[in-house]
Amino acid sequence: MKRIIKWILRIALLALIVIQFIRPEKNNGGYESVKAFETETKPSVKVAGILKTYCYDCHSDQTQYPWYAEVAPISYWLDDHVRHGKGEFNVSKWESYSVKKKDHKLEEIIEEVKEGHMPLDSYTWIHGTLTEEEKKDLFLWVDLARLSYQEELKVSGN
């Protein structure tokens, strides 16, 4: 039995070493990837900082990777989070969203933060949590940003 356990542990160690050389692709589109979103929604400097700190890593093409993102299997776990986050809402694709979708995505920001779903607990363990003041600033910005989309939807009849 001990031989089988040693054999399994050796194979697991070898697999762990091998996966260190197989890396997921990095998500680095740079600042330009969020520029259209920020230009259109006009966050204050403070809100732009909140978005950069708590949102853009998983919801844009502008991920700032921590040192431990170079270690597998953590690198795969982070890659999965980024892919899922961008699949739900990607500010780098903001220009391709319809007015209705833009309004809805902004509305979802408030819902997800109020319900405690965003940012993810696994993210806040390292990056900290949003303060109540930051949440208030974020919600105010979302409400203001949505006004133009809601007006446009009224005019178009959607």
N, C-alpha and C. Protein backbone atom coordinates (compact mmCIF):
# COMPACT_ATOMS: atom_id res chain seq x y z
N MET A 1 0.81 -1.20 0.00
CA MET A 1 0.00 0.00 0.00
C MET A 1 0.86 1.27 0.00
N LYS A 2 1.96 1.23 0.80
CA LYS A 2 2.85 2.39 0.86
C LYS A 2 3.47 2.66 -0.51
N ARG A 3 3.77 1.62 -1.26
CA ARG A 3 4.37 1.78 -2.59
C ARG A 3 3.40 2.49 -3.53
N ILE A 4 2.14 2.15 -3.44
CA ILE A 4 1.12 2.76 -4.31
C ILE A 4 0.99 4.24 -3.97
N ILE A 5 0.97 4.55 -2.68
CA ILE A 5 0.85 5.96 -2.26
C ILE A 5 2.06 6.75 -2.73
N LYS A 6 3.27 6.20 -2.57
CA LYS A 6 4.48 6.88 -3.04
C LYS A 6 4.44 7.08 -4.54
N TRP A 7 3.98 6.09 -5.27
CA TRP A 7 3.89 6.16 -6.73
C TRP A 7 2.91 7.26 -7.14
N ILE A 8 1.76 7.34 -6.48
CA ILE A 8 0.75 8.36 -6.77
C ILE A 8 1.30 9.75 -6.45
N LEU A 9 1.99 9.89 -5.33
CA LEU A 9 2.58 11.18 -4.96
C LEU A 9 3.66 11.62 -5.96
N ARG A 10 4.45 10.70 -6.45
CA ARG A 10 5.47 11.03 -7.45
C ARG A 10 4.83 11.52 -8.75
N ILE A 11 3.78 10.83 -9.17
CA ILE A 11 3.08 11.23 -10.39
C ILE A 11 2.44 12.61 -10.20
N ALA A 12 1.85 12.85 -9.03
CA ALA A 12 1.24 14.16 -8.76
C ALA A 12 2.29 15.26 -8.76
N LEU A 13 3.44 15.01 -8.17
CA LEU A 13 4.52 15.99 -8.15
C LEU A 13 5.03 16.26 -9.57
N LEU A 14 5.19 15.21 -10.36
CA LEU A 14 5.63 15.37 -11.74
C LEU A 14 4.60 16.19 -12.53
N ALA A 15 3.32 15.91 -12.34
CA ALA A 15 2.25 16.67 -13.03
C ALA A 15 2.29 18.14 -12.62
N LEU A 16 2.49 18.40 -11.33
CA LEU A 16 2.57 19.78 -10.84
C LEU A 16 3.76 20.51 -11.47
N ILE A 17 4.87 19.84 -11.62
CA ILE A 17 6.05 20.45 -12.24
C ILE A 17 5.78 20.72 -13.72
N VAL A 18 5.19 19.77 -14.42
CA VAL A 18 4.93 19.92 -15.86
C VAL A 18 3.97 21.08 -16.12
N ILE A 19 2.90 21.21 -15.32
CA ILE A 19 1.93 22.28 -15.60
C ILE A 19 2.48 23.68 -15.35
N GLN A 20 3.62 23.77 -14.68
CA GLN A 20 4.25 25.08 -14.50
C GLN A 20 4.72 25.67 -15.84
N PHE A 21 4.94 24.80 -16.82
CA PHE A 21 5.44 25.24 -18.12
C PHE A 21 4.32 25.45 -19.15
N ILE A 22 3.10 25.13 -18.77
CA ILE A 22 1.95 25.32 -19.65
C ILE A 22 1.10 26.42 -19.03
N ARG A 23 1.17 27.59 -19.61
CA ARG A 23 0.54 28.77 -19.01
C ARG A 23 -0.71 29.20 -19.77
N PRO A 24 -1.73 29.67 -19.02
CA PRO A 24 -2.87 30.27 -19.72
C PRO A 24 -2.45 31.61 -20.33
N GLU A 25 -3.14 32.00 -21.39
CA GLU A 25 -2.84 33.26 -22.04
C GLU A 25 -3.19 34.44 -21.13
N LYS A 26 -2.35 35.46 -21.12
CA LYS A 26 -2.59 36.64 -20.28
C LYS A 26 -3.64 37.55 -20.92
N ASN A 27 -4.35 38.26 -20.07
CA ASN A 27 -5.42 39.17 -20.47
C ASN A 27 -4.91 40.60 -20.28
N ASN A 28 -4.12 41.09 -21.23
CA ASN A 28 -3.49 42.40 -21.09
C ASN A 28 -3.74 43.29 -22.30
N GLY A 29 -4.89 43.95 -22.33
CA GLY A 29 -5.21 44.86 -23.42
C GLY A 29 -4.78 46.28 -23.14
N GLY A 30 -4.39 46.57 -21.92
CA GLY A 30 -3.95 47.91 -21.56
C GLY A 30 -5.10 48.88 -21.31
N TYR A 31 -4.74 50.13 -20.97
CA TYR A 31 -5.74 51.15 -20.61
C TYR A 31 -6.71 51.43 -21.74
N GLU A 32 -6.24 51.39 -22.98
CA GLU A 32 -7.11 51.69 -24.12
C GLU A 32 -8.36 50.81 -24.10
N SER A 33 -8.26 49.64 -23.49
CA SER A 33 -9.39 48.72 -23.50
C SER A 33 -10.57 49.21 -22.65
N VAL A 34 -10.34 50.14 -21.73
CA VAL A 34 -11.43 50.67 -20.90
C VAL A 34 -11.74 52.13 -21.22
N LYS A 35 -11.00 52.72 -22.12
CA LYS A 35 -11.12 54.14 -22.41
C LYS A 35 -12.52 54.52 -22.92
N ALA A 36 -13.08 53.75 -23.84
CA ALA A 36 -14.41 54.06 -24.39
C ALA A 36 -15.47 54.00 -23.29
N PHE A 37 -15.36 53.01 -22.43
CA PHE A 37 -16.29 52.87 -21.31
C PHE A 37 -16.22 54.08 -20.40
N GLU A 38 -15.03 54.47 -20.02
CA GLU A 38 -14.86 55.61 -19.12
C GLU A 38 -15.24 56.93 -19.78
N THR A 39 -14.96 57.06 -21.06
CA THR A 39 -15.33 58.28 -21.78
C THR A 39 -16.85 58.43 -21.83
N GLU A 40 -17.53 57.34 -22.08
CA GLU A 40 -18.99 57.40 -22.21
C GLU A 40 -19.71 57.50 -20.87
N THR A 41 -19.24 56.79 -19.86
CA THR A 41 -19.94 56.76 -18.56
C THR A 41 -19.44 57.82 -17.58
N LYS A 42 -18.32 58.43 -17.87
CA LYS A 42 -17.76 59.55 -17.11
C LYS A 42 -17.65 59.32 -15.59
N PRO A 43 -16.91 58.30 -15.16
CA PRO A 43 -16.72 58.14 -13.72
C PRO A 43 -15.79 59.23 -13.19
N SER A 44 -16.01 59.63 -11.95
CA SER A 44 -15.09 60.57 -11.31
C SER A 44 -13.75 59.87 -11.14
N VAL A 45 -12.74 60.62 -10.76
CA VAL A 45 -11.42 60.03 -10.52
C VAL A 45 -11.52 58.96 -9.44
N LYS A 46 -12.32 59.26 -8.41
CA LYS A 46 -12.49 58.31 -7.31
C LYS A 46 -13.17 57.02 -7.78
N VAL A 47 -14.24 57.16 -8.55
CA VAL A 47 -14.96 55.98 -9.05
C VAL A 47 -14.09 55.21 -10.05
N ALA A 48 -13.34 55.92 -10.89
CA ALA A 48 -12.43 55.25 -11.83
C ALA A 48 -11.42 54.41 -11.06
N GLY A 49 -10.97 54.92 -9.92
CA GLY A 49 -10.06 54.15 -9.07
C GLY A 49 -10.72 52.92 -8.49
N ILE A 50 -11.99 53.05 -8.09
CA ILE A 50 -12.74 51.90 -7.57
C ILE A 50 -12.88 50.84 -8.67
N LEU A 51 -13.24 51.28 -9.86
CA LEU A 51 -13.40 50.35 -10.98
C LEU A 51 -12.08 49.64 -11.29
N LYS A 52 -10.99 50.39 -11.27
CA LYS A 52 -9.68 49.80 -11.55
C LYS A 52 -9.30 48.79 -10.46
N THR A 53 -9.57 49.13 -9.23
CA THR A 53 -9.18 48.26 -8.12
C THR A 53 -10.04 47.01 -8.01
N TYR A 54 -11.35 47.16 -8.20
CA TYR A 54 -12.27 46.05 -7.90
C TYR A 54 -12.94 45.41 -9.12
N CYS A 55 -12.87 46.02 -10.29
CA CYS A 55 -13.66 45.51 -11.41
C CYS A 55 -12.85 45.11 -12.64
N TYR A 56 -11.91 45.94 -13.03
CA TYR A 56 -11.26 45.75 -14.31
C TYR A 56 -10.43 44.47 -14.43
N ASP A 57 -9.91 43.96 -13.33
CA ASP A 57 -9.10 42.75 -13.44
C ASP A 57 -9.88 41.59 -14.07
N CYS A 58 -11.16 41.49 -13.75
CA CYS A 58 -11.97 40.38 -14.28
C CYS A 58 -12.99 40.81 -15.33
N HIS A 59 -13.27 42.09 -15.43
CA HIS A 59 -14.32 42.56 -16.33
C HIS A 59 -13.81 43.51 -17.42
N SER A 60 -12.56 43.32 -17.83
CA SER A 60 -12.00 44.09 -18.95
C SER A 60 -10.84 43.30 -19.55
N ASP A 61 -10.24 43.87 -20.56
CA ASP A 61 -9.05 43.27 -21.16
C ASP A 61 -7.79 43.83 -20.52
N GLN A 62 -7.89 44.26 -19.27
CA GLN A 62 -6.82 44.97 -18.58
C GLN A 62 -6.56 44.35 -17.21
N THR A 63 -6.17 43.10 -17.15
CA THR A 63 -5.93 42.43 -15.88
C THR A 63 -4.53 42.74 -15.36
N GLN A 64 -4.47 43.14 -14.10
CA GLN A 64 -3.19 43.33 -13.42
C GLN A 64 -2.95 42.06 -12.61
N TYR A 65 -1.99 41.26 -13.03
CA TYR A 65 -1.76 39.96 -12.41
C TYR A 65 -0.85 40.06 -11.19
N PRO A 66 -1.23 39.43 -10.08
CA PRO A 66 -0.34 39.37 -8.91
C PRO A 66 0.76 38.34 -9.17
N TRP A 67 1.78 38.34 -8.35
CA TRP A 67 2.91 37.43 -8.53
C TRP A 67 2.47 35.97 -8.54
N TYR A 68 1.50 35.63 -7.72
CA TYR A 68 1.10 34.22 -7.60
C TYR A 68 0.32 33.72 -8.82
N ALA A 69 0.02 34.62 -9.75
CA ALA A 69 -0.64 34.20 -10.99
C ALA A 69 0.32 33.42 -11.89
N GLU A 70 1.58 33.40 -11.54
CA GLU A 70 2.58 32.65 -12.30
C GLU A 70 2.71 31.21 -11.83
N VAL A 71 1.98 30.85 -10.78
CA VAL A 71 2.10 29.51 -10.21
C VAL A 71 0.85 28.69 -10.53
N ALA A 72 1.06 27.59 -11.23
CA ALA A 72 -0.05 26.68 -11.51
C ALA A 72 -0.26 25.83 -10.26
N PRO A 73 -1.45 25.49 -9.91
CA PRO A 73 -2.72 25.61 -10.62
C PRO A 73 -3.46 26.94 -10.37
N ILE A 74 -2.88 27.83 -9.57
CA ILE A 74 -3.54 29.12 -9.30
C ILE A 74 -3.72 29.91 -10.59
N SER A 75 -2.76 29.83 -11.49
CA SER A 75 -2.87 30.56 -12.76
C SER A 75 -4.10 30.12 -13.55
N TYR A 76 -4.42 28.84 -13.50
CA TYR A 76 -5.60 28.33 -14.21
C TYR A 76 -6.88 28.79 -13.53
N TRP A 77 -6.86 28.82 -12.22
CA TRP A 77 -8.03 29.26 -11.44
C TRP A 77 -8.31 30.74 -11.73
N LEU A 78 -7.27 31.57 -11.74
CA LEU A 78 -7.44 32.99 -12.05
C LEU A 78 -7.91 33.19 -13.49
N ASP A 79 -7.35 32.43 -14.41
CA ASP A 79 -7.77 32.51 -15.81
C ASP A 79 -9.25 32.19 -15.95
N ASP A 80 -9.71 31.19 -15.22
CA ASP A 80 -11.13 30.83 -15.25
C ASP A 80 -12.00 31.98 -14.73
N HIS A 81 -11.58 32.61 -13.65
CA HIS A 81 -12.32 33.75 -13.10
C HIS A 81 -12.40 34.90 -14.11
N VAL A 82 -11.28 35.20 -14.74
CA VAL A 82 -11.24 36.31 -15.70
C VAL A 82 -12.13 35.99 -16.90
N ARG A 83 -12.03 34.79 -17.42
CA ARG A 83 -12.86 34.40 -18.58
C ARG A 83 -14.35 34.47 -18.23
N HIS A 84 -14.71 33.98 -17.05
CA HIS A 84 -16.12 34.01 -16.63
C HIS A 84 -16.57 35.46 -16.44
N GLY A 85 -15.74 36.26 -15.77
CA GLY A 85 -16.09 37.67 -15.53
C GLY A 85 -16.29 38.43 -16.83
N LYS A 86 -15.39 38.24 -17.78
CA LYS A 86 -15.52 38.92 -19.07
C LYS A 86 -16.72 38.39 -19.86
N GLY A 87 -17.08 37.14 -19.64
CA GLY A 87 -18.25 36.58 -20.31
C GLY A 87 -19.53 37.21 -19.82
N GLU A 88 -19.55 37.61 -18.55
CA GLU A 88 -20.74 38.24 -17.97
C GLU A 88 -20.82 39.73 -18.31
N PHE A 89 -19.67 40.40 -18.22
CA PHE A 89 -19.63 41.85 -18.43
C PHE A 89 -18.20 42.24 -18.75
N ASN A 90 -17.98 42.79 -19.93
CA ASN A 90 -16.64 43.17 -20.35
C ASN A 90 -16.66 44.64 -20.79
N VAL A 91 -16.13 45.52 -19.95
CA VAL A 91 -16.15 46.94 -20.29
C VAL A 91 -15.32 47.23 -21.54
N SER A 92 -14.41 46.35 -21.89
CA SER A 92 -13.61 46.53 -23.10
C SER A 92 -14.44 46.33 -24.36
N LYS A 93 -15.60 45.75 -24.23
CA LYS A 93 -16.52 45.54 -25.36
C LYS A 93 -17.71 46.51 -25.30
N TRP A 94 -17.59 47.53 -24.46
CA TRP A 94 -18.68 48.47 -24.20
C TRP A 94 -19.29 49.06 -25.47
N GLU A 95 -18.45 49.42 -26.41
CA GLU A 95 -18.93 50.03 -27.65
C GLU A 95 -19.82 49.09 -28.46
N SER A 96 -19.65 47.79 -28.27
CA SER A 96 -20.45 46.84 -29.04
C SER A 96 -21.81 46.55 -28.40
N TYR A 97 -22.02 47.02 -27.16
CA TYR A 97 -23.29 46.79 -26.47
C TYR A 97 -24.37 47.74 -26.98
N SER A 98 -25.60 47.25 -27.03
CA SER A 98 -26.73 48.12 -27.37
C SER A 98 -27.01 49.05 -26.19
N VAL A 99 -27.78 50.09 -26.42
CA VAL A 99 -28.15 51.03 -25.35
C VAL A 99 -28.86 50.27 -24.23
N LYS A 100 -29.75 49.40 -24.60
CA LYS A 100 -30.51 48.61 -23.61
C LYS A 100 -29.57 47.74 -22.77
N LYS A 101 -28.60 47.11 -23.43
CA LYS A 101 -27.65 46.27 -22.71
C LYS A 101 -26.75 47.10 -21.80
N LYS A 102 -26.32 48.27 -22.27
CA LYS A 102 -25.49 49.15 -21.44
C LYS A 102 -26.24 49.53 -20.17
N ASP A 103 -27.49 49.93 -20.33
CA ASP A 103 -28.30 50.31 -19.17
C ASP A 103 -28.44 49.13 -18.22
N HIS A 104 -28.70 47.95 -18.77
CA HIS A 104 -28.88 46.76 -17.95
C HIS A 104 -27.59 46.37 -17.22
N LYS A 105 -26.46 46.44 -17.90
CA LYS A 105 -25.19 46.09 -17.27
C LYS A 105 -24.85 47.04 -16.13
N LEU A 106 -25.14 48.32 -16.32
CA LEU A 106 -24.92 49.27 -15.22
C LEU A 106 -25.84 48.97 -14.05
N GLU A 107 -27.09 48.65 -14.35
CA GLU A 107 -28.04 48.27 -13.30
C GLU A 107 -27.54 47.04 -12.54
N GLU A 108 -26.96 46.09 -13.26
CA GLU A 108 -26.44 44.87 -12.62
C GLU A 108 -25.28 45.17 -11.68
N ILE A 109 -24.52 46.21 -11.97
CA ILE A 109 -23.42 46.57 -11.05
C ILE A 109 -23.99 46.82 -9.67
N ILE A 110 -25.04 47.63 -9.60
CA ILE A 110 -25.65 47.94 -8.30
C ILE A 110 -26.18 46.67 -7.65
N GLU A 111 -26.92 45.86 -8.41
CA GLU A 111 -27.49 44.63 -7.86
C GLU A 111 -26.42 43.70 -7.32
N GLU A 112 -25.38 43.48 -8.10
CA GLU A 112 -24.33 42.53 -7.71
C GLU A 112 -23.57 43.01 -6.47
N VAL A 113 -23.30 44.31 -6.41
CA VAL A 113 -22.57 44.84 -5.24
C VAL A 113 -23.48 44.83 -4.01
N LYS A 114 -24.73 45.26 -4.15
CA LYS A 114 -25.65 45.28 -3.01
C LYS A 114 -25.88 43.89 -2.45
N GLU A 115 -25.98 42.89 -3.33
CA GLU A 115 -26.23 41.52 -2.89
C GLU A 115 -24.96 40.83 -2.39
N GLY A 116 -23.82 41.51 -2.51
CA GLY A 116 -22.56 40.95 -2.02
C GLY A 116 -21.93 39.92 -2.95
N HIS A 117 -22.43 39.84 -4.19
CA HIS A 117 -21.86 38.89 -5.14
C HIS A 117 -20.59 39.41 -5.80
N MET A 118 -20.46 40.74 -5.85
CA MET A 118 -19.29 41.37 -6.46
C MET A 118 -18.75 42.42 -5.52
N PRO A 119 -17.46 42.57 -5.46
CA PRO A 119 -16.47 41.66 -5.99
C PRO A 119 -16.51 40.32 -5.25
N LEU A 120 -16.00 39.28 -5.90
CA LEU A 120 -15.99 37.94 -5.31
C LEU A 120 -15.20 37.93 -4.01
N ASP A 121 -15.62 37.08 -3.10
CA ASP A 121 -14.88 36.94 -1.84
C ASP A 121 -13.42 36.57 -2.10
N SER A 122 -13.19 35.67 -3.04
CA SER A 122 -11.83 35.24 -3.34
C SER A 122 -10.97 36.41 -3.82
N TYR A 123 -11.58 37.43 -4.40
CA TYR A 123 -10.85 38.62 -4.84
C TYR A 123 -10.61 39.56 -3.65
N THR A 124 -11.63 39.74 -2.82
CA THR A 124 -11.50 40.68 -1.70
C THR A 124 -10.55 40.17 -0.62
N TRP A 125 -10.30 38.88 -0.54
CA TRP A 125 -9.34 38.36 0.44
C TRP A 125 -7.98 39.00 0.23
N ILE A 126 -7.63 39.25 -1.01
CA ILE A 126 -6.33 39.84 -1.33
C ILE A 126 -6.41 41.35 -1.49
N HIS A 127 -7.46 41.83 -2.16
CA HIS A 127 -7.56 43.24 -2.54
C HIS A 127 -8.37 44.10 -1.58
N GLY A 128 -8.97 43.51 -0.58
CA GLY A 128 -9.80 44.26 0.35
C GLY A 128 -11.22 44.40 -0.17
N THR A 129 -12.10 44.92 0.68
CA THR A 129 -13.50 45.05 0.30
C THR A 129 -13.85 46.52 0.05
N LEU A 130 -14.93 46.71 -0.66
CA LEU A 130 -15.44 48.06 -0.87
C LEU A 130 -15.96 48.62 0.45
N THR A 131 -15.61 49.86 0.75
CA THR A 131 -16.17 50.50 1.93
C THR A 131 -17.59 50.96 1.61
N GLU A 132 -18.34 51.30 2.63
CA GLU A 132 -19.70 51.80 2.40
C GLU A 132 -19.67 53.10 1.60
N GLU A 133 -18.67 53.93 1.84
CA GLU A 133 -18.54 55.19 1.08
C GLU A 133 -18.24 54.91 -0.39
N GLU A 134 -17.37 53.94 -0.64
CA GLU A 134 -17.06 53.58 -2.03
C GLU A 134 -18.30 53.03 -2.73
N LYS A 135 -19.07 52.21 -2.03
CA LYS A 135 -20.31 51.69 -2.60
C LYS A 135 -21.27 52.83 -2.94
N LYS A 136 -21.39 53.76 -2.02
CA LYS A 136 -22.27 54.91 -2.24
C LYS A 136 -21.83 55.71 -3.47
N ASP A 137 -20.54 55.97 -3.59
CA ASP A 137 -20.01 56.69 -4.75
C ASP A 137 -20.26 55.91 -6.04
N LEU A 138 -20.06 54.61 -5.99
CA LEU A 138 -20.28 53.76 -7.15
C LEU A 138 -21.74 53.78 -7.58
N PHE A 139 -22.65 53.65 -6.62
CA PHE A 139 -24.08 53.64 -6.92
C PHE A 139 -24.55 54.99 -7.49
N LEU A 140 -24.03 56.07 -6.95
CA LEU A 140 -24.38 57.40 -7.46
C LEU A 140 -23.91 57.56 -8.90
N TRP A 141 -22.68 57.13 -9.18
CA TRP A 141 -22.16 57.20 -10.54
C TRP A 141 -23.01 56.36 -11.50
N VAL A 142 -23.37 55.14 -11.09
CA VAL A 142 -24.18 54.28 -11.95
C VAL A 142 -25.52 54.95 -12.24
N ASP A 143 -26.16 55.48 -11.21
CA ASP A 143 -27.45 56.15 -11.41
C ASP A 143 -27.33 57.30 -12.41
N LEU A 144 -26.28 58.10 -12.29
CA LEU A 144 -26.06 59.22 -13.22
C LEU A 144 -25.74 58.72 -14.63
N ALA A 145 -24.92 57.69 -14.73
CA ALA A 145 -24.54 57.17 -16.04
C ALA A 145 -25.75 56.56 -16.76
N ARG A 146 -26.66 55.96 -16.01
CA ARG A 146 -27.83 55.32 -16.61
C ARG A 146 -28.84 56.33 -17.15
N LEU A 147 -28.82 57.55 -16.65
CA LEU A 147 -29.82 58.54 -17.08
C LEU A 147 -29.84 58.73 -18.59
N SER A 148 -28.69 58.86 -19.19
CA SER A 148 -28.65 59.09 -20.64
C SER A 148 -29.17 57.88 -21.41
N TYR A 149 -28.87 56.69 -20.93
CA TYR A 149 -29.35 55.48 -21.60
C TYR A 149 -30.87 55.34 -21.44
N GLN A 150 -31.35 55.64 -20.25
CA GLN A 150 -32.80 55.54 -20.02
C GLN A 150 -33.55 56.56 -20.87
N GLU A 151 -32.99 57.75 -21.01
CA GLU A 151 -33.62 58.77 -21.85
C GLU A 151 -33.63 58.32 -23.31
N GLU A 152 -32.52 57.77 -23.75
CA GLU A 152 -32.43 57.29 -25.13
C GLU A 152 -33.43 56.15 -25.37
N LEU A 153 -33.60 55.28 -24.39
CA LEU A 153 -34.56 54.18 -24.52
C LEU A 153 -36.00 54.70 -24.59
N LYS A 154 -36.29 55.75 -23.82
CA LYS A 154 -37.63 56.35 -23.87
C LYS A 154 -37.93 56.95 -25.25
N VAL A 155 -36.93 57.65 -25.78
CA VAL A 155 -37.08 58.30 -27.08
C VAL A 155 -37.28 57.26 -28.18
N SER A 156 -36.52 56.17 -28.09
CA SER A 156 -36.60 55.14 -29.12
C SER A 156 -37.79 54.19 -28.92
N GLY A 157 -38.42 54.26 -27.75
CA GLY A 157 -39.58 53.42 -27.48
C GLY A 157 -39.24 52.00 -27.04
N ASN A 158 -38.02 51.75 -26.64
CA ASN A 158 -37.62 50.40 -26.17
C ASN A 158 -37.77 50.24 -24.70
